[in-house]
PDB file of all heavy atoms in Angstrom:
ATOM      1  N   CYS A   1      -1.310  11.116   5.916  1.00  0.00           N
ATOM      2  CA  CYS A   1      -0.260  11.131   6.842  1.00  0.00           C
ATOM      3  C   CYS A   1       1.022  10.685   6.244  1.00  0.00           C
ATOM      4  O   CYS A   1       1.585   9.715   6.670  1.00  0.00           O
ATOM      5  CB  CYS A   1      -0.641  10.369   8.155  1.00  0.00           C
ATOM      6  SG  CYS A   1      -1.079   8.637   7.765  1.00  0.00           S
ATOM      7  N   GLY A   2       1.404  11.337   5.121  1.00  0.00           N
ATOM      8  CA  GLY A   2       2.600  10.917   4.400  1.00  0.00           C
ATOM      9  C   GLY A   2       2.258  10.199   3.115  1.00  0.00           C
ATOM     10  O   GLY A   2       2.978  10.350   2.150  1.00  0.00           O
ATOM     11  N   GLY A   3       1.173   9.484   3.046  1.00  0.00           N
ATOM     12  CA  GLY A   3       0.816   8.795   1.879  1.00  0.00           C
ATOM     13  C   GLY A   3      -0.728   8.641   1.689  1.00  0.00           C
ATOM     14  O   GLY A   3      -1.462   8.679   2.623  1.00  0.00           O
ATOM     15  N   ARG A   4      -1.157   8.633   0.442  1.00  0.00           N
ATOM     16  CA  ARG A   4      -2.568   8.510   0.099  1.00  0.00           C
ATOM     17  C   ARG A   4      -2.578   7.709  -1.258  1.00  0.00           C
ATOM     18  O   ARG A   4      -1.580   7.344  -1.751  1.00  0.00           O
ATOM     19  CB  ARG A   4      -3.166   9.845   0.024  1.00  0.00           C
ATOM     20  CG  ARG A   4      -2.518  10.746  -1.063  1.00  0.00           C
ATOM     21  CD  ARG A   4      -3.030  12.160  -0.991  1.00  0.00           C
ATOM     22  NE  ARG A   4      -2.298  13.062  -1.869  1.00  0.00           N
ATOM     23  CZ  ARG A   4      -2.306  14.316  -1.883  1.00  0.00           C
ATOM     24  NH1 ARG A   4      -3.071  14.968  -0.916  1.00  0.00           N
ATOM     25  NH2 ARG A   4      -1.578  15.046  -2.686  1.00  0.00           N
ATOM     26  N   SER A   5      -3.804   7.489  -1.721  1.00  0.00           N
ATOM     27  CA  SER A   5      -3.976   6.800  -2.947  1.00  0.00           C
ATOM     28  C   SER A   5      -3.802   7.712  -4.134  1.00  0.00           C
ATOM     29  O   SER A   5      -3.855   8.936  -4.025  1.00  0.00           O
ATOM     30  CB  SER A   5      -5.346   6.143  -3.040  1.00  0.00           C
ATOM     31  OG  SER A   5      -6.342   7.114  -2.939  1.00  0.00           O
ATOM     32  N   ILE A   6      -3.568   7.088  -5.303  1.00  0.00           N
ATOM     33  CA  ILE A   6      -3.507   7.846  -6.602  1.00  0.00           C
ATOM     34  C   ILE A   6      -4.886   7.763  -7.237  1.00  0.00           C
ATOM     35  O   ILE A   6      -5.230   6.724  -7.775  1.00  0.00           O
ATOM     36  CB  ILE A   6      -2.353   7.304  -7.446  1.00  0.00           C
ATOM     37  CG1 ILE A   6      -0.988   7.382  -6.751  1.00  0.00           C
ATOM     38  CG2 ILE A   6      -2.289   8.101  -8.783  1.00  0.00           C
ATOM     39  CD1 ILE A   6       0.119   6.796  -7.581  1.00  0.00           C
ATOM     40  N   ASP A   7      -5.607   8.816  -7.245  1.00  0.00           N
ATOM     41  CA  ASP A   7      -6.998   8.688  -7.586  1.00  0.00           C
ATOM     42  C   ASP A   7      -7.250   8.358  -9.076  1.00  0.00           C
ATOM     43  O   ASP A   7      -8.324   7.871  -9.469  1.00  0.00           O
ATOM     44  CB  ASP A   7      -7.768   9.994  -7.266  1.00  0.00           C
ATOM     45  CG  ASP A   7      -7.152  11.245  -7.877  1.00  0.00           C
ATOM     46  OD1 ASP A   7      -6.263  11.111  -8.695  1.00  0.00           O
ATOM     47  OD2 ASP A   7      -7.579  12.337  -7.451  1.00  0.00           O
ATOM     48  N   TYR A   8      -6.252   8.613  -9.941  1.00  0.00           N
ATOM     49  CA  TYR A   8      -6.509   8.340 -11.374  1.00  0.00           C
ATOM     50  C   TYR A   8      -6.141   7.010 -11.817  1.00  0.00           C
ATOM     51  O   TYR A   8      -6.265   6.597 -12.990  1.00  0.00           O
ATOM     52  CB  TYR A   8      -5.907   9.416 -12.235  1.00  0.00           C
ATOM     53  CG  TYR A   8      -4.416   9.419 -12.266  1.00  0.00           C
ATOM     54  CD1 TYR A   8      -3.638   8.612 -13.112  1.00  0.00           C
ATOM     55  CD2 TYR A   8      -3.620  10.312 -11.439  1.00  0.00           C
ATOM     56  CE1 TYR A   8      -2.243   8.632 -13.105  1.00  0.00           C
ATOM     57  CE2 TYR A   8      -2.267  10.357 -11.446  1.00  0.00           C
ATOM     58  CZ  TYR A   8      -1.621   9.511 -12.299  1.00  0.00           C
ATOM     59  OH  TYR A   8      -0.221   9.570 -12.283  1.00  0.00           O
ATOM     60  N   LEU A   9      -5.525   6.160 -10.901  1.00  0.00           N
ATOM     61  CA  LEU A   9      -5.218   4.809 -11.236  1.00  0.00           C
ATOM     62  C   LEU A   9      -6.244   3.844 -10.686  1.00  0.00           C
ATOM     63  O   LEU A   9      -6.681   4.001  -9.534  1.00  0.00           O
ATOM     64  CB  LEU A   9      -3.804   4.461 -10.698  1.00  0.00           C
ATOM     65  CG  LEU A   9      -2.601   5.211 -11.293  1.00  0.00           C
ATOM     66  CD1 LEU A   9      -1.323   4.718 -10.727  1.00  0.00           C
ATOM     67  CD2 LEU A   9      -2.590   5.023 -12.793  1.00  0.00           C
ATOM     68  N   GLN A  10      -6.620   2.921 -11.531  1.00  0.00           N
ATOM     69  CA  GLN A  10      -7.701   2.019 -11.190  1.00  0.00           C
ATOM     70  C   GLN A  10      -7.510   1.239  -9.902  1.00  0.00           C
ATOM     71  O   GLN A  10      -6.451   0.580  -9.683  1.00  0.00           O
ATOM     72  CB  GLN A  10      -7.990   1.064 -12.366  1.00  0.00           C
ATOM     73  CG  GLN A  10      -9.284   0.265 -12.289  1.00  0.00           C
ATOM     74  CD  GLN A  10      -9.490  -0.545 -13.574  1.00  0.00           C
ATOM     75  OE1 GLN A  10      -9.065  -1.655 -13.651  1.00  0.00           O
ATOM     76  NE2 GLN A  10     -10.159   0.084 -14.560  1.00  0.00           N
ATOM     77  N   SER A  11      -8.508   1.305  -8.977  1.00  0.00           N
ATOM     78  CA  SER A  11      -8.537   0.554  -7.782  1.00  0.00           C
ATOM     79  C   SER A  11      -7.433   0.920  -6.783  1.00  0.00           C
ATOM     80  O   SER A  11      -7.084   0.146  -5.852  1.00  0.00           O
ATOM     81  CB  SER A  11      -8.406  -0.980  -8.022  1.00  0.00           C
ATOM     82  OG  SER A  11      -9.470  -1.409  -8.863  1.00  0.00           O
ATOM     83  N   SER A  12      -6.844   2.137  -6.973  1.00  0.00           N
ATOM     84  CA  SER A  12      -5.805   2.556  -5.969  1.00  0.00           C
ATOM     85  C   SER A  12      -6.434   2.649  -4.573  1.00  0.00           C
ATOM     86  O   SER A  12      -7.561   3.159  -4.419  1.00  0.00           O
ATOM     87  CB  SER A  12      -5.294   3.954  -6.438  1.00  0.00           C
ATOM     88  OG  SER A  12      -4.345   4.396  -5.461  1.00  0.00           O
ATOM     89  N   GLN A  13      -5.718   2.193  -3.591  1.00  0.00           N
ATOM     90  CA  GLN A  13      -6.248   2.196  -2.240  1.00  0.00           C
ATOM     91  C   GLN A  13      -5.157   2.164  -1.192  1.00  0.00           C
ATOM     92  O   GLN A  13      -4.023   1.706  -1.485  1.00  0.00           O
ATOM     93  CB  GLN A  13      -7.072   0.942  -2.019  1.00  0.00           C
ATOM     94  CG  GLN A  13      -6.328  -0.399  -2.143  1.00  0.00           C
ATOM     95  CD  GLN A  13      -7.219  -1.653  -1.927  1.00  0.00           C
ATOM     96  OE1 GLN A  13      -8.391  -1.572  -2.172  1.00  0.00           O
ATOM     97  NE2 GLN A  13      -6.581  -2.752  -1.646  1.00  0.00           N
ATOM     98  N   CYS A  14      -5.411   2.638  -0.014  1.00  0.00           N
ATOM     99  CA  CYS A  14      -4.563   2.648   1.068  1.00  0.00           C
ATOM    100  C   CYS A  14      -5.271   1.797   2.217  1.00  0.00           C
ATOM    101  O   CYS A  14      -6.531   1.800   2.296  1.00  0.00           O
ATOM    102  CB  CYS A  14      -4.283   3.992   1.675  1.00  0.00           C
ATOM    103  SG  CYS A  14      -3.202   5.000   0.486  1.00  0.00           S
ATOM    104  N   GLY A  15      -4.511   1.156   3.102  1.00  0.00           N
ATOM    105  CA  GLY A  15      -5.147   0.344   4.153  1.00  0.00           C
ATOM    106  C   GLY A  15      -4.297   0.255   5.348  1.00  0.00           C
ATOM    107  O   GLY A  15      -3.110   0.564   5.345  1.00  0.00           O
ATOM    108  N   ALA A  16      -4.857  -0.264   6.394  1.00  0.00           N
ATOM    109  CA  ALA A  16      -4.144  -0.467   7.677  1.00  0.00           C
ATOM    110  C   ALA A  16      -3.230  -1.650   7.609  1.00  0.00           C
ATOM    111  O   ALA A  16      -3.520  -2.668   7.033  1.00  0.00           O
ATOM    112  CB  ALA A  16      -5.137  -0.649   8.823  1.00  0.00           C
ATOM    113  N   ALA A  17      -2.018  -1.558   8.189  1.00  0.00           N
ATOM    114  CA  ALA A  17      -1.074  -2.593   8.124  1.00  0.00           C
ATOM    115  C   ALA A  17      -1.268  -3.637   9.217  1.00  0.00           C
ATOM    116  O   ALA A  17      -1.689  -3.312  10.318  1.00  0.00           O
ATOM    117  CB  ALA A  17       0.306  -1.985   8.302  1.00  0.00           C
ATOM    118  N   PRO A  18      -1.011  -4.886   8.924  1.00  0.00           N
ATOM    119  CA  PRO A  18      -1.066  -5.890   9.925  1.00  0.00           C
ATOM    120  C   PRO A  18       0.110  -5.771  10.927  1.00  0.00           C
ATOM    121  O   PRO A  18       1.044  -5.014  10.641  1.00  0.00           O
ATOM    122  CB  PRO A  18      -0.992  -7.220   9.193  1.00  0.00           C
ATOM    123  CG  PRO A  18      -0.267  -6.822   7.913  1.00  0.00           C
ATOM    124  CD  PRO A  18      -0.701  -5.396   7.564  1.00  0.00           C
ATOM    125  N   ASN A  19       0.060  -6.363  12.029  1.00  0.00           N
ATOM    126  CA  ASN A  19       1.058  -6.250  13.053  1.00  0.00           C
ATOM    127  C   ASN A  19       2.439  -6.691  12.641  1.00  0.00           C
ATOM    128  O   ASN A  19       3.469  -6.147  13.193  1.00  0.00           O
ATOM    129  CB  ASN A  19       0.625  -7.038  14.331  1.00  0.00           C
ATOM    130  CG  ASN A  19      -0.589  -6.460  14.995  1.00  0.00           C
ATOM    131  OD1 ASN A  19      -0.829  -5.236  14.899  1.00  0.00           O
ATOM    132  ND2 ASN A  19      -1.380  -7.241  15.640  1.00  0.00           N
ATOM    133  N   ASN A  20       2.568  -7.605  11.752  1.00  0.00           N
ATOM    134  CA  ASN A  20       3.823  -8.186  11.401  1.00  0.00           C
ATOM    135  C   ASN A  20       4.357  -7.734  10.059  1.00  0.00           C
ATOM    136  O   ASN A  20       5.217  -8.430   9.494  1.00  0.00           O
ATOM    137  CB  ASN A  20       3.746  -9.732  11.394  1.00  0.00           C
ATOM    138  CG  ASN A  20       2.700 -10.232  10.377  1.00  0.00           C
ATOM    139  OD1 ASN A  20       1.937  -9.412   9.833  1.00  0.00           O
ATOM    140  ND2 ASN A  20       2.756 -11.548  10.084  1.00  0.00           N
ATOM    141  N   TRP A  21       3.923  -6.622   9.555  1.00  0.00           N
ATOM    142  CA  TRP A  21       4.318  -6.226   8.205  1.00  0.00           C
ATOM    143  C   TRP A  21       5.773  -5.676   8.311  1.00  0.00           C
ATOM    144  O   TRP A  21       6.170  -5.101   9.214  1.00  0.00           O
ATOM    145  CB  TRP A  21       3.394  -5.200   7.643  1.00  0.00           C
ATOM    146  CG  TRP A  21       3.454  -3.817   8.212  1.00  0.00           C
ATOM    147  CD1 TRP A  21       3.058  -3.400   9.406  1.00  0.00           C
ATOM    148  CD2 TRP A  21       4.070  -2.677   7.610  1.00  0.00           C
ATOM    149  NE1 TRP A  21       3.266  -2.089   9.573  1.00  0.00           N
ATOM    150  CE2 TRP A  21       3.914  -1.623   8.481  1.00  0.00           C
ATOM    151  CE3 TRP A  21       4.636  -2.507   6.345  1.00  0.00           C
ATOM    152  CZ2 TRP A  21       4.380  -0.367   8.185  1.00  0.00           C
ATOM    153  CZ3 TRP A  21       5.092  -1.212   6.065  1.00  0.00           C
ATOM    154  CH2 TRP A  21       5.005  -0.122   6.998  1.00  0.00           C
ATOM    155  N   ASN A  22       6.507  -5.906   7.188  1.00  0.00           N
ATOM    156  CA  ASN A  22       7.887  -5.471   7.040  1.00  0.00           C
ATOM    157  C   ASN A  22       7.925  -4.247   6.143  1.00  0.00           C
ATOM    158  O   ASN A  22       7.648  -4.387   4.925  1.00  0.00           O
ATOM    159  CB  ASN A  22       8.764  -6.617   6.528  1.00  0.00           C
ATOM    160  CG  ASN A  22      10.227  -6.231   6.396  1.00  0.00           C
ATOM    161  OD1 ASN A  22      10.598  -5.414   5.560  1.00  0.00           O
ATOM    162  ND2 ASN A  22      11.054  -6.787   7.257  1.00  0.00           N
ATOM    163  N   GLN A  23       8.385  -3.175   6.645  1.00  0.00           N
ATOM    164  CA  GLN A  23       8.320  -1.868   5.861  1.00  0.00           C
ATOM    165  C   GLN A  23       9.198  -1.949   4.633  1.00  0.00           C
ATOM    166  O   GLN A  23       8.810  -1.572   3.556  1.00  0.00           O
ATOM    167  CB  GLN A  23       8.793  -0.738   6.776  1.00  0.00           C
ATOM    168  CG  GLN A  23       8.949   0.601   6.035  1.00  0.00           C
ATOM    169  CD  GLN A  23       9.504   1.651   6.970  1.00  0.00           C
ATOM    170  OE1 GLN A  23       9.144   1.748   8.081  1.00  0.00           O
ATOM    171  NE2 GLN A  23      10.400   2.552   6.429  1.00  0.00           N
ATOM    172  N   GLU A  24      10.453  -2.407   4.776  1.00  0.00           N
ATOM    173  CA  GLU A  24      11.362  -2.473   3.629  1.00  0.00           C
ATOM    174  C   GLU A  24      10.833  -3.320   2.500  1.00  0.00           C
ATOM    175  O   GLU A  24      10.890  -2.928   1.337  1.00  0.00           O
ATOM    176  CB  GLU A  24      12.694  -2.911   4.105  1.00  0.00           C
ATOM    177  CG  GLU A  24      13.819  -2.872   3.014  1.00  0.00           C
ATOM    178  CD  GLU A  24      15.139  -3.233   3.542  1.00  0.00           C
ATOM    179  OE1 GLU A  24      15.300  -3.376   4.764  1.00  0.00           O
ATOM    180  OE2 GLU A  24      16.095  -3.428   2.680  1.00  0.00           O
ATOM    181  N   SER A  25      10.349  -4.491   2.772  1.00  0.00           N
ATOM    182  CA  SER A  25       9.895  -5.384   1.724  1.00  0.00           C
ATOM    183  C   SER A  25       8.652  -4.841   1.013  1.00  0.00           C
ATOM    184  O   SER A  25       8.356  -5.141  -0.120  1.00  0.00           O
ATOM    185  CB  SER A  25       9.609  -6.766   2.272  1.00  0.00           C
ATOM    186  OG  SER A  25       8.545  -6.775   3.160  1.00  0.00           O
ATOM    187  N   ARG A  26       7.872  -4.009   1.693  1.00  0.00           N
ATOM    188  CA  ARG A  26       6.599  -3.535   1.149  1.00  0.00           C
ATOM    189  C   ARG A  26       6.797  -2.555   0.070  1.00  0.00           C
ATOM    190  O   ARG A  26       5.946  -2.241  -0.770  1.00  0.00           O
ATOM    191  CB  ARG A  26       5.707  -3.007   2.180  1.00  0.00           C
ATOM    192  CG  ARG A  26       5.157  -4.027   3.177  1.00  0.00           C
ATOM    193  CD  ARG A  26       4.067  -4.893   2.626  1.00  0.00           C
ATOM    194  NE  ARG A  26       4.437  -5.931   1.745  1.00  0.00           N
ATOM    195  CZ  ARG A  26       4.915  -7.053   2.068  1.00  0.00           C
ATOM    196  NH1 ARG A  26       5.079  -7.394   3.323  1.00  0.00           N
ATOM    197  NH2 ARG A  26       5.243  -7.981   1.134  1.00  0.00           N
ATOM    198  N   GLU A  27       7.973  -1.880   0.006  1.00  0.00           N
ATOM    199  CA  GLU A  27       8.208  -0.853  -1.028  1.00  0.00           C
ATOM    200  C   GLU A  27       8.314  -1.429  -2.441  1.00  0.00           C
ATOM    201  O   GLU A  27       8.133  -0.744  -3.401  1.00  0.00           O
ATOM    202  CB  GLU A  27       9.456  -0.043  -0.733  1.00  0.00           C
ATOM    203  CG  GLU A  27       9.329   0.828   0.477  1.00  0.00           C
ATOM    204  CD  GLU A  27      10.436   1.858   0.589  1.00  0.00           C
ATOM    205  OE1 GLU A  27      10.656   2.558  -0.442  1.00  0.00           O
ATOM    206  OE2 GLU A  27      10.978   2.018   1.668  1.00  0.00           O
ATOM    207  N   CYS A  28       8.586  -2.724  -2.555  1.00  0.00           N
ATOM    208  CA  CYS A  28       8.606  -3.363  -3.873  1.00  0.00           C
ATOM    209  C   CYS A  28       7.593  -4.560  -3.963  1.00  0.00           C
ATOM    210  O   CYS A  28       7.569  -5.270  -4.919  1.00  0.00           O
ATOM    211  CB  CYS A  28       9.964  -3.876  -4.164  1.00  0.00           C
ATOM    212  SG  CYS A  28      11.154  -2.605  -4.624  1.00  0.00           S
ATOM    213  N   GLN A  29       6.780  -4.697  -2.891  1.00  0.00           N
ATOM    214  CA  GLN A  29       5.722  -5.750  -2.961  1.00  0.00           C
ATOM    215  C   GLN A  29       4.547  -5.265  -2.113  1.00  0.00           C
ATOM    216  O   GLN A  29       4.526  -5.329  -0.908  1.00  0.00           O
ATOM    217  CB  GLN A  29       6.298  -7.014  -2.383  1.00  0.00           C
ATOM    218  CG  GLN A  29       5.319  -8.229  -2.505  1.00  0.00           C
ATOM    219  CD  GLN A  29       5.952  -9.532  -2.001  1.00  0.00           C
ATOM    220  OE1 GLN A  29       7.118  -9.574  -1.757  1.00  0.00           O
ATOM    221  NE2 GLN A  29       5.187 -10.556  -1.876  1.00  0.00           N
ATOM    222  N   ALA A  30       3.472  -4.883  -2.843  1.00  0.00           N
ATOM    223  CA  ALA A  30       2.371  -4.311  -2.225  1.00  0.00           C
ATOM    224  C   ALA A  30       1.361  -5.411  -1.710  1.00  0.00           C
ATOM    225  O   ALA A  30       0.533  -5.111  -0.920  1.00  0.00           O
ATOM    226  CB  ALA A  30       1.665  -3.327  -3.098  1.00  0.00           C
ATOM    227  N   THR A  31       1.502  -6.592  -2.310  1.00  0.00           N
ATOM    228  CA  THR A  31       0.518  -7.702  -1.947  1.00  0.00           C
ATOM    229  C   THR A  31       1.367  -8.852  -1.429  1.00  0.00           C
ATOM    230  O   THR A  31       2.507  -9.032  -1.812  1.00  0.00           O
ATOM    231  CB  THR A  31      -0.305  -8.103  -3.166  1.00  0.00           C
ATOM    232  OG1 THR A  31       0.569  -8.542  -4.200  1.00  0.00           O
ATOM    233  CG2 THR A  31      -1.113  -6.944  -3.670  1.00  0.00           C
ATOM    234  N   ASP A  32       0.707  -9.678  -0.587  1.00  0.00           N
ATOM    235  CA  ASP A  32       1.360 -10.857   0.000  1.00  0.00           C
ATOM    236  C   ASP A  32       0.321 -11.878   0.356  1.00  0.00           C
ATOM    237  O   ASP A  32      -0.498 -11.685   1.124  1.00  0.00           O
ATOM    238  CB  ASP A  32       2.153 -10.521   1.257  1.00  0.00           C
ATOM    239  CG  ASP A  32       2.972 -11.628   1.793  1.00  0.00           C
ATOM    240  OD1 ASP A  32       3.083 -12.654   1.062  1.00  0.00           O
ATOM    241  OD2 ASP A  32       3.393 -11.545   2.867  1.00  0.00           O
ATOM    242  N   GLY A  33       0.314 -13.049  -0.408  1.00  0.00           N
ATOM    243  CA  GLY A  33      -0.556 -14.062  -0.161  1.00  0.00           C
ATOM    244  C   GLY A  33      -2.033 -13.674  -0.340  1.00  0.00           C
ATOM    245  O   GLY A  33      -2.916 -14.178   0.365  1.00  0.00           O
ATOM    246  N   GLY A  34      -2.268 -12.755  -1.345  1.00  0.00           N
ATOM    247  CA  GLY A  34      -3.605 -12.284  -1.606  1.00  0.00           C
ATOM    248  C   GLY A  34      -4.022 -11.121  -0.770  1.00  0.00           C
ATOM    249  O   GLY A  34      -5.102 -10.495  -0.981  1.00  0.00           O
ATOM    250  N   ASN A  35      -3.218 -10.712   0.253  1.00  0.00           N
ATOM    251  CA  ASN A  35      -3.515  -9.573   1.043  1.00  0.00           C
ATOM    252  C   ASN A  35      -2.887  -8.301   0.449  1.00  0.00           C
ATOM    253  O   ASN A  35      -1.711  -8.265   0.140  1.00  0.00           O
ATOM    254  CB  ASN A  35      -2.992  -9.702   2.465  1.00  0.00           C
ATOM    255  CG  ASN A  35      -3.651 -10.895   3.185  1.00  0.00           C
ATOM    256  OD1 ASN A  35      -4.792 -11.103   3.022  1.00  0.00           O
ATOM    257  ND2 ASN A  35      -2.782 -11.690   3.835  1.00  0.00           N
ATOM    258  N   ALA A  36      -3.656  -7.254   0.264  1.00  0.00           N
ATOM    259  CA  ALA A  36      -3.163  -6.020  -0.313  1.00  0.00           C
ATOM    260  C   ALA A  36      -2.825  -5.021   0.803  1.00  0.00           C
ATOM    261  O   ALA A  36      -3.758  -4.601   1.555  1.00  0.00           O
ATOM    262  CB  ALA A  36      -4.234  -5.424  -1.217  1.00  0.00           C
ATOM    263  N   TYR A  37      -1.569  -4.760   0.941  1.00  0.00           N
ATOM    264  CA  TYR A  37      -1.178  -3.770   1.904  1.00  0.00           C
ATOM    265  C   TYR A  37      -1.519  -2.285   1.442  1.00  0.00           C
ATOM    266  O   TYR A  37      -1.895  -1.444   2.233  1.00  0.00           O
ATOM    267  CB  TYR A  37       0.293  -3.839   2.177  1.00  0.00           C
ATOM    268  CG  TYR A  37       0.746  -5.145   2.868  1.00  0.00           C
ATOM    269  CD1 TYR A  37       1.069  -6.241   2.113  1.00  0.00           C
ATOM    270  CD2 TYR A  37       0.766  -5.246   4.245  1.00  0.00           C
ATOM    271  CE1 TYR A  37       1.419  -7.404   2.780  1.00  0.00           C
ATOM    272  CE2 TYR A  37       1.116  -6.435   4.878  1.00  0.00           C
ATOM    273  CZ  TYR A  37       1.425  -7.535   4.128  1.00  0.00           C
ATOM    274  OH  TYR A  37       1.798  -8.698   4.680  1.00  0.00           O
ATOM    275  N   TYR A  38      -1.412  -2.083   0.133  1.00  0.00           N
ATOM    276  CA  TYR A  38      -1.814  -0.804  -0.501  1.00  0.00           C
ATOM    277  C   TYR A  38      -1.757  -1.068  -1.942  1.00  0.00           C
ATOM    278  O   TYR A  38      -1.378  -2.133  -2.460  1.00  0.00           O
ATOM    279  CB  TYR A  38      -0.745   0.272  -0.051  1.00  0.00           C
ATOM    280  CG  TYR A  38       0.572   0.076  -0.705  1.00  0.00           C
ATOM    281  CD1 TYR A  38       0.990   0.782  -1.826  1.00  0.00           C
ATOM    282  CD2 TYR A  38       1.541  -0.741  -0.074  1.00  0.00           C
ATOM    283  CE1 TYR A  38       2.305   0.630  -2.354  1.00  0.00           C
ATOM    284  CE2 TYR A  38       2.841  -0.909  -0.643  1.00  0.00           C
ATOM    285  CZ  TYR A  38       3.192  -0.225  -1.736  1.00  0.00           C
ATOM    286  OH  TYR A  38       4.421  -0.413  -2.266  1.00  0.00           O
ATOM    287  N   LYS A  39      -2.225  -0.097  -2.649  1.00  0.00           N
ATOM    288  CA  LYS A  39      -2.146  -0.179  -4.163  1.00  0.00           C
ATOM    289  C   LYS A  39      -1.976   1.244  -4.679  1.00  0.00           C
ATOM    290  O   LYS A  39      -2.900   2.054  -4.560  1.00  0.00           O
ATOM    291  CB  LYS A  39      -3.480  -0.795  -4.746  1.00  0.00           C
ATOM    292  CG  LYS A  39      -3.385  -1.071  -6.191  1.00  0.00           C
ATOM    293  CD  LYS A  39      -4.643  -1.824  -6.669  1.00  0.00           C
ATOM    294  CE  LYS A  39      -4.512  -2.184  -8.173  1.00  0.00           C
ATOM    295  NZ  LYS A  39      -5.722  -3.034  -8.616  1.00  0.00           N
ATOM    296  N   TYR A  40      -0.804   1.476  -5.177  1.00  0.00           N
ATOM    297  CA  TYR A  40      -0.450   2.814  -5.825  1.00  0.00           C
ATOM    298  C   TYR A  40      -0.452   3.924  -4.738  1.00  0.00           C
ATOM    299  O   TYR A  40      -1.480   4.636  -4.636  1.00  0.00           O
ATOM    300  CB  TYR A  40      -1.398   3.156  -6.976  1.00  0.00           C
ATOM    301  CG  TYR A  40      -1.547   2.062  -7.985  1.00  0.00           C
ATOM    302  CD1 TYR A  40      -2.834   1.715  -8.508  1.00  0.00           C
ATOM    303  CD2 TYR A  40      -0.484   1.287  -8.500  1.00  0.00           C
ATOM    304  CE1 TYR A  40      -3.007   0.632  -9.401  1.00  0.00           C
ATOM    305  CE2 TYR A  40      -0.620   0.320  -9.340  1.00  0.00           C
ATOM    306  CZ  TYR A  40      -1.868  -0.008  -9.839  1.00  0.00           C
ATOM    307  OH  TYR A  40      -2.079  -1.032 -10.718  1.00  0.00           O
ATOM    308  N   ALA A  41       0.669   4.007  -4.071  1.00  0.00           N
ATOM    309  CA  ALA A  41       0.774   5.052  -3.060  1.00  0.00           C
ATOM    310  C   ALA A  41       1.224   6.368  -3.711  1.00  0.00           C
ATOM    311  O   ALA A  41       1.921   6.411  -4.639  1.00  0.00           O
ATOM    312  CB  ALA A  41       1.831   4.628  -2.067  1.00  0.00           C
ATOM    313  N   ASN A  42       0.699   7.518  -3.073  1.00  0.00           N
ATOM    314  CA  ASN A  42       0.923   8.820  -3.533  1.00  0.00           C
ATOM    315  C   ASN A  42       1.445   9.646  -2.349  1.00  0.00           C
ATOM    316  O   ASN A  42       0.814   9.705  -1.364  1.00  0.00           O
ATOM    317  CB  ASN A  42      -0.355   9.420  -4.084  1.00  0.00           C
ATOM    318  CG  ASN A  42      -0.156  10.647  -4.882  1.00  0.00           C
ATOM    319  OD1 ASN A  42       0.969  11.041  -5.120  1.00  0.00           O
ATOM    320  ND2 ASN A  42      -1.259  11.255  -5.235  1.00  0.00           N
ATOM    321  N   GLY A  43       2.574  10.277  -2.497  1.00  0.00           N
ATOM    322  CA  GLY A  43       3.146  11.113  -1.464  1.00  0.00           C
ATOM    323  C   GLY A  43       2.264  12.326  -1.165  1.00  0.00           C
ATOM    324  O   GLY A  43       1.750  12.928  -2.122  1.00  0.00           O
ATOM    325  N   VAL A  44       2.198  12.770   0.071  1.00  0.00           N
ATOM    326  CA  VAL A  44       1.445  13.919   0.410  1.00  0.00           C
ATOM    327  C   VAL A  44       2.262  15.137   0.378  1.00  0.00           C
ATOM    328  O   VAL A  44       1.891  16.198  -0.204  1.00  0.00           O
ATOM    329  CB  VAL A  44       0.835  13.762   1.886  1.00  0.00           C
ATOM    330  CG1 VAL A  44       0.197  15.059   2.369  1.00  0.00           C
ATOM    331  CG2 VAL A  44      -0.163  12.618   1.920  1.00  0.00           C
TER     332      VAL A  44
END
């Protein structure tokens, strides 16, 4: 739905966002406090 994982990069994954996530900050920070929002996003 706009984004998916990059299958050739190790451990690439997509996941559900928590209620308080900030879209703008996530474009340059995929992890926060040990929580992975995503890893290596791929446009659809």
